Protein backbone atom coordinates (compact mmCIF):
# COMPACT_ATOMS: atom_id res chain seq x y z
CA MET A 1 133.22 98.69 194.89
CA LYS A 2 129.94 98.19 194.98
CA THR A 3 129.17 102.04 193.34
CA PHE A 4 131.43 101.10 190.47
CA LYS A 5 130.44 97.64 189.73
CA SER A 6 127.02 99.29 189.88
CA ILE A 7 127.34 101.68 187.20
CA MET A 8 129.61 99.03 185.29
CA SER A 9 126.39 97.08 185.23
CA TRP A 10 124.43 99.63 183.62
CA VAL A 11 127.33 101.20 181.44
CA ILE A 12 128.42 97.65 179.47
CA PRO A 13 125.29 97.65 178.06
CA VAL A 14 124.69 100.62 176.71
CA VAL A 15 127.95 100.51 175.41
CA ILE A 16 127.38 96.92 173.52
CA GLY A 17 123.57 98.55 172.33
CA LEU A 18 125.67 101.54 171.03
CA GLY A 19 128.35 99.55 169.67
CA LEU A 20 125.50 96.55 168.12
CA ALA A 21 123.88 100.04 166.27
CA LEU A 22 126.89 101.15 164.89
CA LEU A 23 127.74 97.86 163.31
CA ILE A 24 123.72 97.46 161.93
CA LYS A 25 124.16 101.20 160.47
CA GLN A 26 127.19 100.38 158.77
CA PHE A 27 126.74 97.28 157.75
CA TRP A 28 122.83 96.19 157.14
CA PHE A 29 120.52 99.10 157.23
CA THR A 30 119.98 103.00 157.22
CA MET A 31 116.85 105.48 157.93
CA VAL A 32 116.32 107.75 155.06
CA ARG A 33 114.48 110.97 155.03
CA VAL A 34 112.97 111.70 151.61
CA ASP A 35 113.87 115.56 150.51
CA GLY A 36 111.96 116.85 148.37
CA THR A 37 108.50 116.19 146.32
CA SER A 38 110.44 114.01 143.19
CA MET A 39 109.40 110.84 143.92
CA GLN A 40 105.41 111.95 144.58
CA PRO A 41 103.19 110.27 144.68
CA ASN A 42 104.81 107.29 145.94
CA LEU A 43 107.28 108.61 148.37
CA GLN A 44 106.32 112.55 149.75
CA ASN A 45 108.48 115.20 151.49
CA ASN A 46 109.70 114.56 155.10
CA GLU A 47 108.47 110.37 154.44
CA ARG A 48 110.92 107.94 156.77
CA VAL A 49 112.16 104.89 155.14
CA VAL A 50 114.91 102.59 155.61
CA ALA A 51 117.27 101.58 152.69
CA PHE A 52 118.60 98.01 153.27
CA LYS A 53 123.03 98.02 151.84
CA THR A 54 123.22 94.26 151.36
CA SER A 55 119.94 94.01 149.04
CA LYS A 56 120.57 93.35 145.43
CA ILE A 57 119.84 96.43 142.68
CA LYS A 58 116.76 95.43 140.40
CA ALA A 59 115.51 97.29 137.80
CA GLY A 60 112.49 99.34 139.13
CA SER A 61 114.39 99.32 142.99
CA VAL A 62 113.98 102.65 144.60
CA VAL A 63 117.06 103.37 145.72
CA VAL A 64 118.74 105.54 148.12
CA PHE A 65 123.21 106.95 146.79
CA ASP A 66 125.41 109.65 147.79
CA ALA A 67 124.83 112.36 145.66
CA TYR A 68 128.04 114.61 146.10
CA GLY A 69 130.34 115.23 143.13
CA LEU A 70 127.00 113.82 141.14
CA ASP A 71 124.69 116.73 141.19
CA PRO A 72 126.98 119.30 139.91
CA ASP A 73 125.08 121.70 142.00
CA GLN A 74 125.28 119.74 144.97
CA ALA A 75 127.51 121.71 147.57
CA SER A 76 126.64 119.33 150.68
CA LYS A 77 128.64 116.65 151.16
CA ASP A 78 126.46 114.61 153.28
CA ALA A 79 123.18 114.60 150.09
CA VAL A 80 122.05 111.76 149.68
CA TYR A 81 119.04 110.98 146.96
CA VAL A 82 116.06 108.60 146.57
CA LYS A 83 115.40 107.83 142.84
CA ARG A 84 114.34 104.82 141.03
CA VAL A 85 116.48 103.05 138.66
CA ILE A 86 115.36 102.51 135.38
CA GLY A 87 118.35 100.97 133.58
CA MET A 88 121.10 98.85 134.92
CA PRO A 89 124.45 98.63 133.16
CA GLY A 90 124.34 97.59 129.76
CA ASP A 91 120.78 98.44 129.22
CA THR A 92 119.78 101.19 126.23
CA VAL A 93 117.08 103.66 127.87
CA ARG A 94 114.54 105.80 125.40
CA TYR A 95 111.78 107.87 126.50
CA THR A 96 109.06 109.54 124.33
CA SER A 97 108.11 112.71 124.82
CA SER A 98 104.54 111.35 125.25
CA GLY A 99 106.23 109.63 128.63
CA LYS A 100 107.34 106.12 127.01
CA LEU A 101 109.73 104.15 128.47
CA TYR A 102 112.02 101.70 126.46
CA VAL A 103 114.41 99.52 127.93
CA ASN A 104 116.26 97.85 125.82
CA ASN A 105 113.65 98.54 123.18
CA LYS A 106 111.21 97.22 125.19
CA LEU A 107 107.66 99.14 126.44
CA VAL A 108 108.30 99.20 129.87
CA LYS A 109 104.89 99.65 132.30
CA GLN A 110 104.95 102.43 134.72
CA THR A 111 102.10 101.32 136.83
CA TYR A 112 103.71 103.03 139.44
CA LEU A 113 102.55 106.42 137.91
CA LYS A 114 99.48 107.96 137.01
CA ASN A 115 100.16 108.81 132.91
CA ASN A 116 100.15 112.66 133.35
CA MET A 117 103.23 111.68 135.82
CA GLN A 118 104.77 110.24 132.86
CA GLN A 119 106.07 113.56 130.98
CA THR A 120 109.18 113.40 129.94
CA THR A 121 109.60 117.51 130.30
CA GLY A 122 111.99 118.24 133.64
CA SER A 123 112.70 121.58 134.58
CA PHE A 124 116.13 121.50 134.31
CA MET A 125 116.28 120.54 130.75
CA ALA A 126 118.84 122.10 128.13
CA ASN A 127 117.75 121.49 124.95
CA ASN A 128 114.37 121.89 123.91
CA HIS A 129 114.00 118.75 121.52
CA SER A 130 113.21 116.76 124.67
CA LYS A 131 109.95 118.85 125.31
CA PHE A 132 108.95 117.43 121.23
CA THR A 133 110.66 114.10 120.29
CA GLY A 134 112.04 113.17 124.11
CA TRP A 135 115.32 112.01 124.60
CA ASP A 136 117.65 108.97 124.59
CA LEU A 137 121.25 108.25 126.54
CA ASN A 138 123.29 109.78 123.68
CA SER A 139 120.69 113.05 123.48
CA LEU A 140 121.51 113.14 127.11
CA SER A 141 125.18 112.97 127.27
CA ASN A 142 125.33 115.71 124.97
CA ASN A 143 122.95 117.94 125.48
CA GLN A 144 123.17 118.50 129.26
CA ASP A 145 125.89 119.86 130.89
CA GLY A 146 125.68 118.26 134.08
CA TRP A 147 126.80 114.71 132.44
CA HIS A 148 130.44 113.55 133.35
CA THR A 149 130.09 110.84 130.91
CA LYS A 150 129.61 111.02 126.95
CA VAL A 151 127.18 108.05 125.51
CA THR A 152 127.98 107.25 122.14
CA THR A 153 126.16 103.65 122.24
CA ASN A 154 122.95 104.85 124.11
CA LYS A 155 123.77 101.82 127.12
CA VAL A 156 124.43 102.59 130.73
CA PRO A 157 127.49 101.96 131.18
CA LYS A 158 129.23 98.91 133.27
CA GLY A 159 129.13 99.43 136.47
CA SER A 160 126.76 102.25 136.90
CA TYR A 161 122.78 103.03 136.73
CA PHE A 162 120.33 105.47 135.54
CA VAL A 163 118.26 106.72 137.79
CA MET A 164 114.61 108.70 137.56
CA GLY A 165 112.48 110.48 140.44
CA ASP A 166 108.77 109.48 139.92
CA HIS A 167 107.64 112.86 139.54
CA ARG A 168 109.52 113.23 136.16
CA SER A 169 108.55 117.13 135.38
CA VAL A 170 110.21 118.08 138.75
CA SER A 171 112.72 115.81 139.88
CA ASN A 172 116.55 116.84 139.22
CA ASP A 173 117.95 112.85 138.32
CA GLY A 174 120.02 111.08 135.38
CA ARG A 175 118.83 112.75 133.09
CA TYR A 176 120.76 115.39 134.18
CA TRP A 177 124.07 114.80 135.80
CA GLY A 178 124.49 111.17 134.11
CA PHE A 179 124.81 107.76 135.95
CA VAL A 180 125.32 106.69 138.95
CA PRO A 181 128.74 105.01 139.93
CA LYS A 182 127.92 100.99 142.35
CA SER A 183 130.60 102.93 144.92
CA LYS A 184 127.96 105.70 145.24
CA MET A 185 124.63 103.55 145.69
CA ILE A 186 124.03 103.52 149.62
CA GLY A 187 121.13 100.97 149.22
CA VAL A 188 117.80 100.01 148.14
CA VAL A 189 114.70 101.47 150.00
CA LYS A 190 111.78 99.67 151.56
CA ALA A 191 108.82 101.15 152.58
CA TRP A 192 107.26 100.72 155.95
CA PRO A 193 103.70 98.40 156.33
CA TRP A 194 101.71 101.21 157.24
CA GLN A 195 102.70 103.64 154.90
CA ASN A 196 100.17 104.50 151.58
CA ARG A 197 101.73 103.34 148.22
CA LYS A 198 104.34 100.68 149.54
CA GLN A 199 104.01 97.80 146.67
CA TYR A 200 105.50 100.32 144.56
CA ILE A 201 108.06 100.63 146.29
CA ASN A 202 108.66 97.38 147.62
CA SER A 203 107.89 95.10 145.09
CA PHE A 204 107.24 96.94 141.65
CA GLN A 205 109.32 95.09 138.92
CA PRO A 206 109.42 96.29 135.19
């Protein structure tokens, strides 16, 4: 009997602790590993960050979302992407060939990027016109094969977001496969206090 009580004295706290950890991960936050270079210079490949599931998504927020079913080239059901929200529901988005971003016809100062990283040309652009004239949501939806939604109003649909990686020339993002539905969003990313350039992850607002 004493042996049983002794075993239960440490089994019960362990079970409770595991249960609390699962609840926290399910409803509050989760740890995320950045995969690839698409968020440079602000987040590096294999860098660890935390995603808060209850935080409000805002323009400029860095988010993590379920990529399976969005990116047609993504075969893993467990794949998640880390990107920055460029367009909120109802926003218009336009990007010039010189790297200027306009949201709702207002110039957005992309202070989280160096000028040479703001270029619109990416590795997956289907139509060369984007290299010379830039793009908007209408042209992307008609020229990129990966888009699921055709756009005629240059607006982000209700309940969806338009995202891009900070390293514009290499990022595989919304330019190539379209919008991220709210149902696919996992959380808002926050960098740790000791991480470089944390201010461009945690507190940037356009």
